[in-house]
Amino acid sequence: MENKEPNRYAKILEAIFAKHFKKGMSEIEFERTEISQAAKELGIALPKNLGDVLYSFRYRTSLPKSITANAPKGHEWIIRPAGKGKYKLAAVKQANIAPSNILAETKILDATPGVIAKYSLSDEQSLLAKLRYNRLIDIFTGLTCYSLQSHLRTTLSDGSQVETDEIYIGLDKRGAHFVLPIQAKGGNDRIGVVQIEQDFEMCTLKFSHLTCRPIAAQFMDKNLIALFEFEQSKDGVRVSSEKHYRLVKPNELSSEELQGYSGRQN
């Protein structure tokens, strides 16, 4: 059944794209109701969760070739919210963030309680738990961090609703405070630029007096976690830092490795 879903979703999105696209366009706005309309016109069984059509293309699978082939040169399409029940395909230089395959790993002694590791229900929840119990956000950012709230839902200025997986508050050695929205990705889900853009806006709305430092975390394998920090630039969201942490047992971290870590520059 899983192999059929992307094809069904692809036909729906292709129909919406074809309806609006004209050569040279870099933005295409459409409404949520058009998903139902396209499904009906194509004779496709309507997905129970309309939002899953868009979620799939934002974080799980690639857009159909008929759409990607019409992106401006050097750009990719992303799906952004554009208000309540509204979306838009927008051309950007990079749509998703993937871990580097040549970045050095850092071993961290796994402090995740066994009972938590045993009963974690999903990749996302397991990842958030490992971040929390191993203080990986503290280690990665150099701040002392505290989990403030999980799954914060926010209505943005355009009326669209977003959800941030977890919010941390961080303190540095000067006593300055920071807000760190966390996006956690497990399994085959990808880190999308759109979510990071939304986290910056969420911080502006909810924590305007704090410096926003968005973080994304992704499982590379069961105990290897990639962490990213982002910043805003004139060209959009950019990765300002990336680290890979492998959670290990005490006998898997040697004295030689520890000595090597002390000689690292950052």
Protein backbone atom coordinates (compact mmCIF):
# COMPACT_ATOMS: atom_id res chain seq x y z
CA MET A 1 0.00 0.00 0.00
CA GLU A 2 2.85 2.39 0.82
CA ASN A 3 4.16 2.21 -2.75
CA LYS A 4 0.79 3.34 -4.09
CA GLU A 5 0.40 6.38 -1.86
CA PRO A 6 3.10 8.61 -3.42
CA ASN A 7 1.67 7.91 -6.92
CA ARG A 8 -1.83 8.87 -5.80
CA TYR A 9 -0.56 12.00 -4.06
CA ALA A 10 1.68 12.85 -7.03
CA LYS A 11 -1.25 12.83 -9.47
CA ILE A 12 -3.21 15.19 -7.24
CA LEU A 13 -0.32 17.66 -6.89
CA GLU A 14 0.53 17.44 -10.59
CA ALA A 15 -3.05 18.40 -11.45
CA ILE A 16 -2.93 21.42 -9.13
CA PHE A 17 0.45 22.47 -10.54
CA ALA A 18 -0.68 22.16 -14.15
CA LYS A 19 -3.78 24.24 -13.39
CA HIS A 20 -1.76 27.23 -12.16
CA PHE A 21 1.72 27.05 -13.68
CA LYS A 22 2.92 29.34 -16.44
CA LYS A 23 6.49 29.33 -17.73
CA GLY A 24 8.78 31.55 -15.70
CA MET A 25 6.72 31.46 -12.51
CA SER A 26 8.59 31.11 -9.21
CA GLU A 27 5.53 31.00 -6.93
CA ILE A 28 2.23 29.18 -7.33
CA GLU A 29 -0.55 29.71 -4.80
CA PHE A 30 -3.34 27.21 -4.26
CA GLU A 31 -5.97 26.35 -1.66
CA ARG A 32 -6.46 23.23 0.42
CA THR A 33 -9.87 22.66 -1.19
CA GLU A 34 -8.14 22.12 -4.55
CA ILE A 35 -6.80 18.80 -3.24
CA SER A 36 -10.37 17.50 -2.99
CA GLN A 37 -11.28 18.99 -6.36
CA ALA A 38 -8.29 17.41 -8.09
CA ALA A 39 -8.96 14.01 -6.53
CA LYS A 40 -12.59 14.13 -7.68
CA GLU A 41 -11.69 15.19 -11.23
CA LEU A 42 -9.08 12.42 -11.49
CA GLY A 43 -11.38 9.79 -10.03
CA ILE A 44 -8.95 9.17 -7.18
CA ALA A 45 -10.14 8.09 -3.75
CA LEU A 46 -9.77 11.11 -1.49
CA PRO A 47 -7.11 10.71 1.23
CA LYS A 48 -8.60 10.62 4.72
CA ASN A 49 -6.07 13.20 5.86
CA LEU A 50 -5.75 15.94 3.23
CA GLY A 51 -2.76 17.38 5.02
CA ASP A 52 -0.80 14.17 4.48
CA VAL A 53 -0.67 14.90 0.75
CA LEU A 54 1.38 18.03 1.36
CA TYR A 55 3.28 16.64 4.37
CA SER A 56 4.54 13.74 2.28
CA PHE A 57 6.12 16.02 -0.30
CA ARG A 58 7.50 18.43 2.28
CA TYR A 59 9.29 15.88 4.44
CA ARG A 60 9.19 12.33 3.04
CA THR A 61 9.32 12.06 -0.72
CA SER A 62 10.45 14.05 -3.74
CA LEU A 63 8.07 16.12 -5.84
CA PRO A 64 7.01 14.59 -9.18
CA LYS A 65 9.48 15.08 -12.04
CA SER A 66 6.84 16.98 -14.02
CA ILE A 67 7.00 19.65 -11.30
CA THR A 68 10.74 19.64 -10.50
CA ALA A 69 11.57 19.96 -14.22
CA ASN A 70 9.80 23.33 -14.26
CA ALA A 71 11.75 24.91 -11.41
CA PRO A 72 13.90 27.93 -12.32
CA LYS A 73 17.53 27.00 -13.00
CA GLY A 74 19.44 26.30 -9.78
CA HIS A 75 16.28 26.22 -7.67
CA GLU A 76 13.95 23.66 -6.09
CA TRP A 77 10.25 23.85 -5.26
CA ILE A 78 9.12 23.90 -1.64
CA ILE A 79 5.57 24.00 -0.27
CA ARG A 80 4.99 26.92 2.09
CA PRO A 81 1.85 27.80 4.05
CA ALA A 82 0.25 30.97 2.69
CA GLY A 83 -2.58 31.56 5.16
CA LYS A 84 -5.45 29.59 6.60
CA GLY A 85 -6.19 26.75 4.17
CA LYS A 86 -3.78 28.22 1.61
CA TYR A 87 -0.36 27.12 0.34
CA LYS A 88 2.16 28.02 -2.29
CA LEU A 89 4.87 26.28 -4.23
CA ALA A 90 7.92 28.55 -4.06
CA ALA A 91 11.27 28.20 -5.85
CA VAL A 92 14.29 28.30 -3.49
CA LYS A 93 17.95 27.39 -3.82
CA GLN A 94 17.69 24.54 -1.31
CA ALA A 95 14.54 22.80 -0.08
CA ASN A 96 15.89 20.25 2.41
CA ILE A 97 18.85 19.87 4.74
CA ALA A 98 20.68 16.55 4.85
CA PRO A 99 23.52 15.44 7.15
CA SER A 100 27.02 15.54 5.71
CA ASN A 101 28.46 12.11 4.97
CA ILE A 102 32.06 13.15 5.72
CA LEU A 103 31.64 14.95 9.05
CA ALA A 104 33.54 13.46 11.99
CA GLU A 105 31.52 11.80 14.76
CA THR A 106 31.75 12.59 18.46
CA LYS A 107 31.06 9.76 20.91
CA ILE A 108 28.90 10.59 23.92
CA LEU A 109 28.27 8.16 26.79
CA ASP A 110 24.59 7.24 26.51
CA ALA A 111 22.69 8.47 29.57
CA THR A 112 19.23 7.52 28.26
CA PRO A 113 17.41 5.56 31.01
CA GLY A 114 16.82 1.96 29.93
CA VAL A 115 13.11 2.17 30.66
CA ILE A 116 12.79 5.17 28.30
CA ALA A 117 14.75 3.45 25.53
CA LYS A 118 12.59 0.33 25.92
CA TYR A 119 9.20 2.03 25.70
CA SER A 120 9.75 4.90 23.22
CA LEU A 121 6.80 4.82 20.82
CA SER A 122 8.15 6.65 17.76
CA ASP A 123 11.39 7.77 16.19
CA GLU A 124 10.55 11.40 16.87
CA GLN A 125 9.74 10.83 20.54
CA SER A 126 12.78 8.59 20.96
CA LEU A 127 14.98 11.28 19.43
CA LEU A 128 13.58 14.03 21.65
CA ALA A 129 14.15 11.82 24.71
CA LYS A 130 17.75 11.10 23.74
CA LEU A 131 18.40 14.82 23.21
CA ARG A 132 16.98 15.59 26.64
CA TYR A 133 18.60 12.85 28.74
CA ASN A 134 22.01 13.22 27.10
CA ARG A 135 21.92 17.04 27.22
CA LEU A 136 22.88 17.11 23.56
CA ILE A 137 21.38 20.56 23.00
CA ASP A 138 23.62 21.91 25.80
CA ILE A 139 26.69 20.17 24.38
CA PHE A 140 25.97 21.28 20.81
CA THR A 141 25.24 24.95 21.57
CA GLY A 142 27.51 25.51 24.58
CA LEU A 143 24.49 26.81 26.53
CA THR A 144 22.81 25.51 29.66
CA CYS A 145 19.41 24.50 28.30
CA TYR A 146 16.02 23.69 29.81
CA SER A 147 13.06 22.08 28.08
CA LEU A 148 10.17 24.54 28.25
CA GLN A 149 7.40 22.88 26.24
CA SER A 150 6.79 20.06 23.80
CA HIS A 151 4.69 20.33 20.64
CA LEU A 152 4.00 24.05 20.74
CA ARG A 153 1.29 24.98 18.23
CA THR A 154 1.30 28.51 16.92
CA THR A 155 -0.82 30.54 14.51
CA LEU A 156 1.49 32.67 12.37
CA SER A 157 0.77 36.18 11.12
CA ASP A 158 -0.63 34.83 7.82
CA GLY A 159 -3.13 32.63 9.67
CA SER A 160 -1.32 29.34 9.06
CA GLN A 161 -0.78 26.96 11.96
CA VAL A 162 2.58 25.35 12.74
CA GLU A 163 3.91 22.99 15.37
CA THR A 164 7.38 23.01 16.92
CA ASP A 165 8.47 19.67 18.37
CA GLU A 166 10.07 21.15 21.49
CA ILE A 167 11.13 24.51 22.91
CA TYR A 168 14.27 24.97 25.00
CA ILE A 169 15.40 28.07 26.88
CA GLY A 170 19.19 28.47 27.03
CA LEU A 171 21.51 30.54 29.20
CA ASP A 172 25.11 31.45 28.42
CA LYS A 173 27.92 32.29 30.85
CA ARG A 174 26.95 35.98 30.78
CA GLY A 175 23.40 35.20 31.87
CA ALA A 176 21.89 36.04 28.48
CA HIS A 177 18.77 34.05 27.52
CA PHE A 178 18.03 32.33 24.21
CA VAL A 179 15.06 30.44 22.78
CA LEU A 180 15.83 27.25 20.88
CA PRO A 181 12.98 25.71 18.83
CA ILE A 182 13.75 22.05 18.09
CA GLN A 183 12.61 20.08 15.06
CA ALA A 184 13.17 16.32 15.41
CA LYS A 185 13.21 13.97 12.42
CA GLY A 186 13.36 10.20 12.53
CA GLY A 187 12.92 7.45 9.99
CA ASN A 188 12.72 8.72 6.42
CA ASP A 189 11.49 12.23 7.27
CA ARG A 190 13.64 15.11 6.03
CA ILE A 191 14.51 18.46 7.56
CA GLY A 192 12.68 21.07 5.50
CA VAL A 193 13.67 24.71 5.12
CA VAL A 194 10.01 25.67 5.58
CA GLN A 195 9.90 24.42 9.17
CA ILE A 196 13.00 26.40 10.07
CA GLU A 197 11.52 29.54 8.47
CA GLN A 198 8.38 28.99 10.55
CA ASP A 199 10.41 28.51 13.75
CA PHE A 200 12.09 31.89 13.19
CA GLU A 201 8.66 33.50 12.78
CA MET A 202 7.29 31.64 15.81
CA CYS A 203 10.14 33.03 17.91
CA THR A 204 9.37 36.55 16.69
CA LEU A 205 5.73 36.15 17.73
CA LYS A 206 6.14 34.27 21.02
CA PHE A 207 9.64 35.16 22.25
CA SER A 208 10.44 38.52 20.65
CA HIS A 209 12.70 39.54 23.55
CA LEU A 210 14.96 36.47 23.15
CA THR A 211 17.58 35.57 20.55
CA CYS A 212 16.23 32.73 18.40
CA ARG A 213 18.57 29.81 17.64
CA PRO A 214 16.62 27.13 15.70
CA ILE A 215 17.92 23.57 15.98
CA ALA A 216 17.09 20.46 13.95
CA ALA A 217 17.94 16.90 14.94
CA GLN A 218 17.87 13.79 12.80
CA PHE A 219 18.65 10.12 13.38
CA MET A 220 21.33 8.96 10.94
CA ASP A 221 21.07 5.50 12.46
CA LYS A 222 19.81 4.12 15.78
CA ASN A 223 22.39 5.86 17.98
CA LEU A 224 23.92 8.42 15.62
CA ILE A 225 22.29 11.86 15.77
CA ALA A 226 22.96 14.83 13.49
CA LEU A 227 22.34 18.28 14.97
CA PHE A 228 22.07 21.50 12.98
CA GLU A 229 21.83 25.14 13.99
CA PHE A 230 20.49 27.73 11.55
CA GLU A 231 20.70 31.43 10.86
CA GLN A 232 18.90 33.80 8.55
CA SER A 233 20.74 35.45 5.68
CA LYS A 234 19.83 37.54 2.65
CA ASP A 235 19.65 34.26 0.74
CA GLY A 236 17.31 32.63 3.27
CA VAL A 237 17.90 29.97 5.92
CA ARG A 238 21.47 28.70 6.18
CA VAL A 239 23.19 26.07 8.34
CA SER A 240 25.57 27.79 10.77
CA SER A 241 26.73 24.63 12.58
CA GLU A 242 26.48 20.85 12.19
CA LYS A 243 27.68 18.09 14.52
CA HIS A 244 27.21 14.32 14.65
CA TYR A 245 26.95 12.60 18.03
CA ARG A 246 27.06 8.83 18.54
CA LEU A 247 25.64 7.53 21.81
CA VAL A 248 27.82 4.71 23.14
CA LYS A 249 28.41 2.45 26.13
CA PRO A 250 31.42 3.19 28.40
CA ASN A 251 33.53 0.43 26.87
CA GLU A 252 33.01 1.94 23.40
CA LEU A 253 34.81 5.20 24.23
CA SER A 254 38.58 4.86 24.52
CA SER A 255 41.12 7.06 26.29
CA GLU A 256 42.74 7.73 22.93
CA GLU A 257 39.47 9.05 21.52
CA LEU A 258 38.94 11.31 24.53
CA GLN A 259 42.43 12.69 24.14
CA GLY A 260 41.75 13.32 20.47
CA TYR A 261 38.59 15.28 21.32
CA SER A 262 40.56 17.59 23.60
CA GLY A 263 42.74 18.56 20.67
CA ARG A 264 39.85 19.55 18.41
CA GLN A 265 39.56 23.19 17.46
CA ASN A 266 35.77 23.39 17.91
